[in-house]
Structures are given as C-alpha cells and as structure tokens.
Amino acid sequence: MQFDTKIAVVIRTDLEVWQKLNVASFLAGGIAASFPECIGENYEDGSGTKYLSLIGQPILIYGADRAQLSRARWSVRWRAT
C-alpha cells in the first residue's frame, strides 16, 4: 500500500523507555487532534470485533540525541519556509 504522506516522530534516545512511550503517545494524540482528517473510519475484523478509528497513515518513529534533534528541528523549519 502506498501513502501520499507519512508522519515522522523523533524522540530523544536518552529518555527512559516509559518516557519514550509517553512522548510517542502524546505526540500521536496531538497529531490526531490537530489534523482530524488523518483519522480513518471505525473498522471491524473478520471475527466481527469492532474497533475505533486510528490514524490512517504510517507513523515512523526515530531516535535522536539532543544535538541530532536540534539539527532535525532546524531542517524542518527551513523546509517549511
């Protein structure tokens, strides 16, 4: 399956595992709230179990140290202008 867009999340590698998971879920929730058009439809699996809708595109999660994160932030800002 091909997607026109993807979501990229960059998380600092020096965080504890529970903090990384917390940050990833916090950022994904923020994306969903800010861009409701990225949310798909509710769905049902083959056995009839119903599920709520999810973000309907890939989320790529990367790790970076403080310096790499700073460079990535500036790169994104530069591309946005």
PDB file of N, CA and C in Angstrom:
ATOM      1  N   MET A   1       0.846  -1.171   0.000  1.00  0.00           N
ATOM      2  CA  MET A   1       0.000   0.000   0.000  1.00  0.00           C
ATOM      3  C   MET A   1       0.893   1.236   0.000  1.00  0.00           C
ATOM      4  N   GLN A   2       0.580   2.195  -0.840  1.00  0.00           N
ATOM      5  CA  GLN A   2       1.331   3.448  -0.923  1.00  0.00           C
ATOM      6  C   GLN A   2       0.552   4.559  -0.223  1.00  0.00           C
ATOM      7  N   PHE A   3       1.259   5.437   0.440  1.00  0.00           N
ATOM      8  CA  PHE A   3       0.647   6.574   1.119  1.00  0.00           C
ATOM      9  C   PHE A   3       1.259   7.859   0.581  1.00  0.00           C
ATOM     10  N   ASP A   4       0.427   8.875   0.371  1.00  0.00           N
ATOM     11  CA  ASP A   4       0.926  10.169  -0.089  1.00  0.00           C
ATOM     12  C   ASP A   4       1.721  10.875   0.997  1.00  0.00           C
ATOM     13  N   THR A   5       1.340  10.662   2.237  1.00  0.00           N
ATOM     14  CA  THR A   5       2.010  11.310   3.362  1.00  0.00           C
ATOM     15  C   THR A   5       2.322  10.285   4.431  1.00  0.00           C
ATOM     16  N   LYS A   6       3.250  10.640   5.281  1.00  0.00           N
ATOM     17  CA  LYS A   6       3.617   9.829   6.437  1.00  0.00           C
ATOM     18  C   LYS A   6       3.836  10.782   7.610  1.00  0.00           C
ATOM     19  N   ILE A   7       3.759  10.266   8.790  1.00  0.00           N
ATOM     20  CA  ILE A   7       4.022  11.053   9.996  1.00  0.00           C
ATOM     21  C   ILE A   7       5.360  10.601  10.555  1.00  0.00           C
ATOM     22  N   ALA A   8       6.223  11.550  10.855  1.00  0.00           N
ATOM     23  CA  ALA A   8       7.520  11.224  11.466  1.00  0.00           C
ATOM     24  C   ALA A   8       7.572  11.826  12.862  1.00  0.00           C
ATOM     25  N   VAL A   9       7.950  11.013  13.824  1.00  0.00           N
ATOM     26  CA  VAL A   9       8.109  11.435  15.214  1.00  0.00           C
ATOM     27  C   VAL A   9       9.552  11.155  15.602  1.00  0.00           C
ATOM     28  N   VAL A  10      10.219  12.152  16.162  1.00  0.00           N
ATOM     29  CA  VAL A  10      11.608  11.974  16.608  1.00  0.00           C
ATOM     30  C   VAL A  10      11.629  12.117  18.124  1.00  0.00           C
ATOM     31  N   ILE A  11      12.177  11.108  18.786  1.00  0.00           N
ATOM     32  CA  ILE A  11      12.196  11.068  20.253  1.00  0.00           C
ATOM     33  C   ILE A  11      13.633  10.960  20.728  1.00  0.00           C
ATOM     34  N   ARG A  12      13.940  11.694  21.787  1.00  0.00           N
ATOM     35  CA  ARG A  12      15.305  11.659  22.325  1.00  0.00           C
ATOM     36  C   ARG A  12      15.658  10.279  22.848  1.00  0.00           C
ATOM     37  N   THR A  13      16.849   9.835  22.504  1.00  0.00           N
ATOM     38  CA  THR A  13      17.296   8.492  22.881  1.00  0.00           C
ATOM     39  C   THR A  13      17.731   8.387  24.335  1.00  0.00           C
ATOM     40  N   ASP A  14      17.957   9.521  24.996  1.00  0.00           N
ATOM     41  CA  ASP A  14      18.430   9.468  26.380  1.00  0.00           C
ATOM     42  C   ASP A  14      17.292   9.408  27.401  1.00  0.00           C
ATOM     43  N   LEU A  15      16.061   9.238  26.947  1.00  0.00           N
ATOM     44  CA  LEU A  15      14.930   9.112  27.863  1.00  0.00           C
ATOM     45  C   LEU A  15      14.780   7.670  28.323  1.00  0.00           C
ATOM     46  N   GLU A  16      14.148   7.485  29.457  1.00  0.00           N
ATOM     47  CA  GLU A  16      13.797   6.143  29.920  1.00  0.00           C
ATOM     48  C   GLU A  16      12.740   5.566  28.973  1.00  0.00           C
ATOM     49  N   VAL A  17      12.635   4.255  28.916  1.00  0.00           N
ATOM     50  CA  VAL A  17      11.690   3.607  27.997  1.00  0.00           C
ATOM     51  C   VAL A  17      10.271   4.120  28.225  1.00  0.00           C
ATOM     52  N   TRP A  18       9.832   4.195  29.474  1.00  0.00           N
ATOM     53  CA  TRP A  18       8.475   4.646  29.748  1.00  0.00           C
ATOM     54  C   TRP A  18       8.271   6.081  29.277  1.00  0.00           C
ATOM     55  N   GLN A  19       9.320   6.914  29.350  1.00  0.00           N
ATOM     56  CA  GLN A  19       9.210   8.295  28.875  1.00  0.00           C
ATOM     57  C   GLN A  19       9.091   8.335  27.350  1.00  0.00           C
ATOM     58  N   LYS A  20       9.838   7.492  26.658  1.00  0.00           N
ATOM     59  CA  LYS A  20       9.757   7.429  25.191  1.00  0.00           C
ATOM     60  C   LYS A  20       8.346   7.045  24.753  1.00  0.00           C
ATOM     61  N   LEU A  21       7.770   6.045  25.424  1.00  0.00           N
ATOM     62  CA  LEU A  21       6.413   5.618  25.087  1.00  0.00           C
ATOM     63  C   LEU A  21       5.409   6.731  25.374  1.00  0.00           C
ATOM     64  N   ASN A  22       5.593   7.416  26.477  1.00  0.00           N
ATOM     65  CA  ASN A  22       4.721   8.521  26.846  1.00  0.00           C
ATOM     66  C   ASN A  22       4.786   9.636  25.795  1.00  0.00           C
ATOM     67  N   VAL A  23       5.993   9.990  25.379  1.00  0.00           N
ATOM     68  CA  VAL A  23       6.178  11.044  24.379  1.00  0.00           C
ATOM     69  C   VAL A  23       5.551  10.625  23.056  1.00  0.00           C
ATOM     70  N   ALA A  24       5.772   9.394  22.625  1.00  0.00           N
ATOM     71  CA  ALA A  24       5.207   8.918  21.356  1.00  0.00           C
ATOM     72  C   ALA A  24       3.681   8.987  21.375  1.00  0.00           C
ATOM     73  N   SER A  25       3.065   8.536  22.450  1.00  0.00           N
ATOM     74  CA  SER A  25       1.602   8.566  22.514  1.00  0.00           C
ATOM     75  C   SER A  25       1.088   9.995  22.621  1.00  0.00           C
ATOM     76  N   PHE A  26       1.783  10.846  23.364  1.00  0.00           N
ATOM     77  CA  PHE A  26       1.396  12.249  23.493  1.00  0.00           C
ATOM     78  C   PHE A  26       1.434  12.942  22.128  1.00  0.00           C
ATOM     79  N   LEU A  27       2.524  12.738  21.377  1.00  0.00           N
ATOM     80  CA  LEU A  27       2.658  13.378  20.070  1.00  0.00           C
ATOM     81  C   LEU A  27       1.643  12.834  19.068  1.00  0.00           C
ATOM     82  N   ALA A  28       1.404  11.525  19.072  1.00  0.00           N
ATOM     83  CA  ALA A  28       0.405  10.947  18.168  1.00  0.00           C
ATOM     84  C   ALA A  28      -0.983  11.502  18.478  1.00  0.00           C
ATOM     85  N   GLY A  29      -1.304  11.657  19.757  1.00  0.00           N
ATOM     86  CA  GLY A  29      -2.586  12.247  20.141  1.00  0.00           C
ATOM     87  C   GLY A  29      -2.696  13.688  19.687  1.00  0.00           C
ATOM     88  N   GLY A  30      -1.609  14.426  19.789  1.00  0.00           N
ATOM     89  CA  GLY A  30      -1.600  15.816  19.324  1.00  0.00           C
ATOM     90  C   GLY A  30      -1.798  15.915  17.828  1.00  0.00           C
ATOM     91  N   ILE A  31      -1.183  15.010  17.088  1.00  0.00           N
ATOM     92  CA  ILE A  31      -1.361  14.986  15.629  1.00  0.00           C
ATOM     93  C   ILE A  31      -2.815  14.690  15.295  1.00  0.00           C
ATOM     94  N   ALA A  32      -3.389  13.705  15.956  1.00  0.00           N
ATOM     95  CA  ALA A  32      -4.784  13.338  15.701  1.00  0.00           C
ATOM     96  C   ALA A  32      -5.727  14.506  16.009  1.00  0.00           C
ATOM     97  N   ALA A  33      -5.460  15.231  17.090  1.00  0.00           N
ATOM     98  CA  ALA A  33      -6.317  16.352  17.464  1.00  0.00           C
ATOM     99  C   ALA A  33      -6.145  17.532  16.506  1.00  0.00           C
ATOM    100  N   SER A  34      -4.920  17.754  16.031  1.00  0.00           N
ATOM    101  CA  SER A  34      -4.645  18.891  15.157  1.00  0.00           C
ATOM    102  C   SER A  34      -5.045  18.652  13.707  1.00  0.00           C
ATOM    103  N   PHE A  35      -5.041  17.394  13.292  1.00  0.00           N
ATOM    104  CA  PHE A  35      -5.342  17.042  11.906  1.00  0.00           C
ATOM    105  C   PHE A  35      -6.391  15.933  11.876  1.00  0.00           C
ATOM    106  N   PRO A  36      -7.639  16.245  12.205  1.00  0.00           N
ATOM    107  CA  PRO A  36      -8.667  15.199  12.277  1.00  0.00           C
ATOM    108  C   PRO A  36      -8.886  14.488  10.945  1.00  0.00           C
ATOM    109  N   GLU A  37      -8.491  15.112   9.851  1.00  0.00           N
ATOM    110  CA  GLU A  37      -8.656  14.471   8.540  1.00  0.00           C
ATOM    111  C   GLU A  37      -7.747  13.250   8.371  1.00  0.00           C
ATOM    112  N   CYS A  38      -6.746  13.096   9.253  1.00  0.00           N
ATOM    113  CA  CYS A  38      -5.858  11.931   9.152  1.00  0.00           C
ATOM    114  C   CYS A  38      -6.441  10.694   9.838  1.00  0.00           C
ATOM    115  N   ILE A  39      -7.583  10.849  10.498  1.00  0.00           N
ATOM    116  CA  ILE A  39      -8.213   9.733  11.199  1.00  0.00           C
ATOM    117  C   ILE A  39      -9.087   8.946  10.230  1.00  0.00           C
ATOM    118  N   GLY A  40      -8.927   7.642  10.226  1.00  0.00           N
ATOM    119  CA  GLY A  40      -9.718   6.774   9.360  1.00  0.00           C
ATOM    120  C   GLY A  40     -11.092   6.489   9.946  1.00  0.00           C
ATOM    121  N   GLU A  41     -11.746   5.514   9.362  1.00  0.00           N
ATOM    122  CA  GLU A  41     -13.082   5.102   9.806  1.00  0.00           C
ATOM    123  C   GLU A  41     -12.972   4.025  10.886  1.00  0.00           C
ATOM    124  N   ASN A  42     -14.037   3.858  11.672  1.00  0.00           N
ATOM    125  CA  ASN A  42     -14.104   2.708  12.569  1.00  0.00           C
ATOM    126  C   ASN A  42     -14.038   1.455  11.701  1.00  0.00           C
ATOM    127  N   TYR A  43     -13.581   0.362  12.249  1.00  0.00           N
ATOM    128  CA  TYR A  43     -13.477  -0.849  11.436  1.00  0.00           C
ATOM    129  C   TYR A  43     -13.812  -2.088  12.239  1.00  0.00           C
ATOM    130  N   GLU A  44     -13.980  -3.172  11.513  1.00  0.00           N
ATOM    131  CA  GLU A  44     -14.372  -4.448  12.107  1.00  0.00           C
ATOM    132  C   GLU A  44     -13.481  -5.535  11.518  1.00  0.00           C
ATOM    133  N   ASP A  45     -12.984  -6.433  12.381  1.00  0.00           N
ATOM    134  CA  ASP A  45     -12.130  -7.512  11.867  1.00  0.00           C
ATOM    135  C   ASP A  45     -12.981  -8.686  11.388  1.00  0.00           C
ATOM    136  N   GLY A  46     -12.322  -9.720  10.884  1.00  0.00           N
ATOM    137  CA  GLY A  46     -13.003 -10.869  10.314  1.00  0.00           C
ATOM    138  C   GLY A  46     -13.909 -11.604  11.288  1.00  0.00           C
ATOM    139  N   SER A  47     -13.626 -11.494  12.591  1.00  0.00           N
ATOM    140  CA  SER A  47     -14.461 -12.196  13.569  1.00  0.00           C
ATOM    141  C   SER A  47     -15.585 -11.309  14.103  1.00  0.00           C
ATOM    142  N   GLY A  48     -15.710 -10.122  13.551  1.00  0.00           N
ATOM    143  CA  GLY A  48     -16.810  -9.239  13.944  1.00  0.00           C
ATOM    144  C   GLY A  48     -16.478  -8.288  15.085  1.00  0.00           C
ATOM    145  N   THR A  49     -15.254  -8.313  15.598  1.00  0.00           N
ATOM    146  CA  THR A  49     -14.874  -7.391  16.661  1.00  0.00           C
ATOM    147  C   THR A  49     -14.738  -5.983  16.089  1.00  0.00           C
ATOM    148  N   LYS A  50     -15.393  -5.023  16.728  1.00  0.00           N
ATOM    149  CA  LYS A  50     -15.376  -3.643  16.244  1.00  0.00           C
ATOM    150  C   LYS A  50     -14.272  -2.855  16.946  1.00  0.00           C
ATOM    151  N   TYR A  51     -13.647  -1.967  16.194  1.00  0.00           N
ATOM    152  CA  TYR A  51     -12.557  -1.135  16.701  1.00  0.00           C
ATOM    153  C   TYR A  51     -12.825   0.322  16.368  1.00  0.00           C
ATOM    154  N   LEU A  52     -12.308   1.201  17.212  1.00  0.00           N
ATOM    155  CA  LEU A  52     -12.398   2.633  16.929  1.00  0.00           C
ATOM    156  C   LEU A  52     -11.415   2.986  15.822  1.00  0.00           C
ATOM    157  N   SER A  53     -11.588   4.145  15.254  1.00  0.00           N
ATOM    158  CA  SER A  53     -10.722   4.571  14.156  1.00  0.00           C
ATOM    159  C   SER A  53      -9.317   4.896  14.662  1.00  0.00           C
ATOM    160  N   LEU A  54      -8.367   4.777  13.762  1.00  0.00           N
ATOM    161  CA  LEU A  54      -6.963   5.067  14.049  1.00  0.00           C
ATOM    162  C   LEU A  54      -6.440   6.057  13.020  1.00  0.00           C
ATOM    163  N   ILE A  55      -5.239   6.546  13.243  1.00  0.00           N
ATOM    164  CA  ILE A  55      -4.591   7.373  12.234  1.00  0.00           C
ATOM    165  C   ILE A  55      -4.377   6.493  11.004  1.00  0.00           C
ATOM    166  N   GLY A  56      -4.819   6.957   9.866  1.00  0.00           N
ATOM    167  CA  GLY A  56      -4.828   6.138   8.668  1.00  0.00           C
ATOM    168  C   GLY A  56      -3.609   6.270   7.784  1.00  0.00           C
ATOM    169  N   GLN A  57      -2.456   6.525   8.360  1.00  0.00           N
ATOM    170  CA  GLN A  57      -1.217   6.595   7.591  1.00  0.00           C
ATOM    171  C   GLN A  57      -0.062   6.144   8.469  1.00  0.00           C
ATOM    172  N   PRO A  58       1.045   5.789   7.864  1.00  0.00           N
ATOM    173  CA  PRO A  58       2.175   5.284   8.655  1.00  0.00           C
ATOM    174  C   PRO A  58       2.740   6.343   9.602  1.00  0.00           C
ATOM    175  N   ILE A  59       3.135   5.901  10.779  1.00  0.00           N
ATOM    176  CA  ILE A  59       3.851   6.757  11.723  1.00  0.00           C
ATOM    177  C   ILE A  59       5.241   6.156  11.882  1.00  0.00           C
ATOM    178  N   LEU A  60       6.248   6.899  11.485  1.00  0.00           N
ATOM    179  CA  LEU A  60       7.642   6.463  11.587  1.00  0.00           C
ATOM    180  C   LEU A  60       8.229   7.103  12.834  1.00  0.00           C
ATOM    181  N   ILE A  61       8.820   6.303  13.700  1.00  0.00           N
ATOM    182  CA  ILE A  61       9.384   6.815  14.944  1.00  0.00           C
ATOM    183  C   ILE A  61      10.895   6.655  14.897  1.00  0.00           C
ATOM    184  N   TYR A  62      11.590   7.774  15.072  1.00  0.00           N
ATOM    185  CA  TYR A  62      13.044   7.806  15.026  1.00  0.00           C
ATOM    186  C   TYR A  62      13.589   8.211  16.393  1.00  0.00           C
ATOM    187  N   GLY A  63      14.824   7.818  16.662  1.00  0.00           N
ATOM    188  CA  GLY A  63      15.510   8.225  17.872  1.00  0.00           C
ATOM    189  C   GLY A  63      16.646   9.169  17.529  1.00  0.00           C
ATOM    190  N   ALA A  64      16.895  10.135  18.406  1.00  0.00           N
ATOM    191  CA  ALA A  64      17.971  11.097  18.180  1.00  0.00           C
ATOM    192  C   ALA A  64      18.470  11.611  19.516  1.00  0.00           C
ATOM    193  N   ASP A  65      19.769  11.922  19.566  1.00  0.00           N
ATOM    194  CA  ASP A  65      20.271  12.575  20.773  1.00  0.00           C
ATOM    195  C   ASP A  65      19.945  14.070  20.679  1.00  0.00           C
ATOM    196  N   ARG A  66      20.313  14.819  21.697  1.00  0.00           N
ATOM    197  CA  ARG A  66      19.942  16.238  21.777  1.00  0.00           C
ATOM    198  C   ARG A  66      20.434  17.030  20.561  1.00  0.00           C
ATOM    199  N   ALA A  67      21.678  16.819  20.150  1.00  0.00           N
ATOM    200  CA  ALA A  67      22.241  17.562  19.020  1.00  0.00           C
ATOM    201  C   ALA A  67      21.535  17.191  17.715  1.00  0.00           C
ATOM    202  N   GLN A  68      21.288  15.909  17.509  1.00  0.00           N
ATOM    203  CA  GLN A  68      20.600  15.469  16.290  1.00  0.00           C
ATOM    204  C   GLN A  68      19.173  16.019  16.241  1.00  0.00           C
ATOM    205  N   LEU A  69      18.516  16.047  17.384  1.00  0.00           N
ATOM    206  CA  LEU A  69      17.156  16.571  17.445  1.00  0.00           C
ATOM    207  C   LEU A  69      17.140  18.053  17.100  1.00  0.00           C
ATOM    208  N   SER A  70      18.120  18.787  17.595  1.00  0.00           N
ATOM    209  CA  SER A  70      18.222  20.215  17.287  1.00  0.00           C
ATOM    210  C   SER A  70      18.424  20.433  15.788  1.00  0.00           C
ATOM    211  N   ARG A  71      19.311  19.642  15.169  1.00  0.00           N
ATOM    212  CA  ARG A  71      19.538  19.762  13.723  1.00  0.00           C
ATOM    213  C   ARG A  71      18.269  19.412  12.943  1.00  0.00           C
ATOM    214  N   ALA A  72      17.566  18.382  13.371  1.00  0.00           N
ATOM    215  CA  ALA A  72      16.339  17.982  12.687  1.00  0.00           C
ATOM    216  C   ALA A  72      15.285  19.077  12.772  1.00  0.00           C
ATOM    217  N   ARG A  73      15.190  19.716  13.926  1.00  0.00           N
ATOM    218  CA  ARG A  73      14.216  20.795  14.110  1.00  0.00           C
ATOM    219  C   ARG A  73      14.499  21.945  13.151  1.00  0.00           C
ATOM    220  N   TRP A  74      15.782  22.325  13.041  1.00  0.00           N
ATOM    221  CA  TRP A  74      16.145  23.414  12.125  1.00  0.00           C
ATOM    222  C   TRP A  74      15.907  23.006  10.683  1.00  0.00           C
ATOM    223  N   SER A  75      16.156  21.764  10.344  1.00  0.00           N
ATOM    224  CA  SER A  75      15.925  21.279   8.978  1.00  0.00           C
ATOM    225  C   SER A  75      14.430  21.366   8.630  1.00  0.00           C
ATOM    226  N   VAL A  76      13.579  20.965   9.560  1.00  0.00           N
ATOM    227  CA  VAL A  76      12.137  21.022   9.323  1.00  0.00           C
ATOM    228  C   VAL A  76      11.685  22.469   9.184  1.00  0.00           C
ATOM    229  N   ARG A  77      12.181  23.343  10.034  1.00  0.00           N
ATOM    230  CA  ARG A  77      11.805  24.768   9.934  1.00  0.00           C
ATOM    231  C   ARG A  77      12.254  25.358   8.614  1.00  0.00           C
ATOM    232  N   TRP A  78      13.456  24.992   8.162  1.00  0.00           N
ATOM    233  CA  TRP A  78      13.968  25.512   6.897  1.00  0.00           C
ATOM    234  C   TRP A  78      13.100  25.045   5.738  1.00  0.00           C
ATOM    235  N   ARG A  79      12.699  23.767   5.750  1.00  0.00           N
ATOM    236  CA  ARG A  79      11.851  23.236   4.668  1.00  0.00           C
ATOM    237  C   ARG A  79      10.472  23.883   4.662  1.00  0.00           C
ATOM    238  N   ALA A  80       9.973  24.249   5.822  1.00  0.00           N
ATOM    239  CA  ALA A  80       8.623  24.819   5.931  1.00  0.00           C
ATOM    240  C   ALA A  80       8.543  26.245   5.397  1.00  0.00           C
ATOM    241  N   THR A  81       9.704  26.896   5.220  1.00  0.00           N
ATOM    242  CA  THR A  81       9.663  28.290   4.746  1.00  0.00           C
ATOM    243  C   THR A  81       9.821  28.384   3.258  1.00  0.00           C
TER     244      THR A  81
END
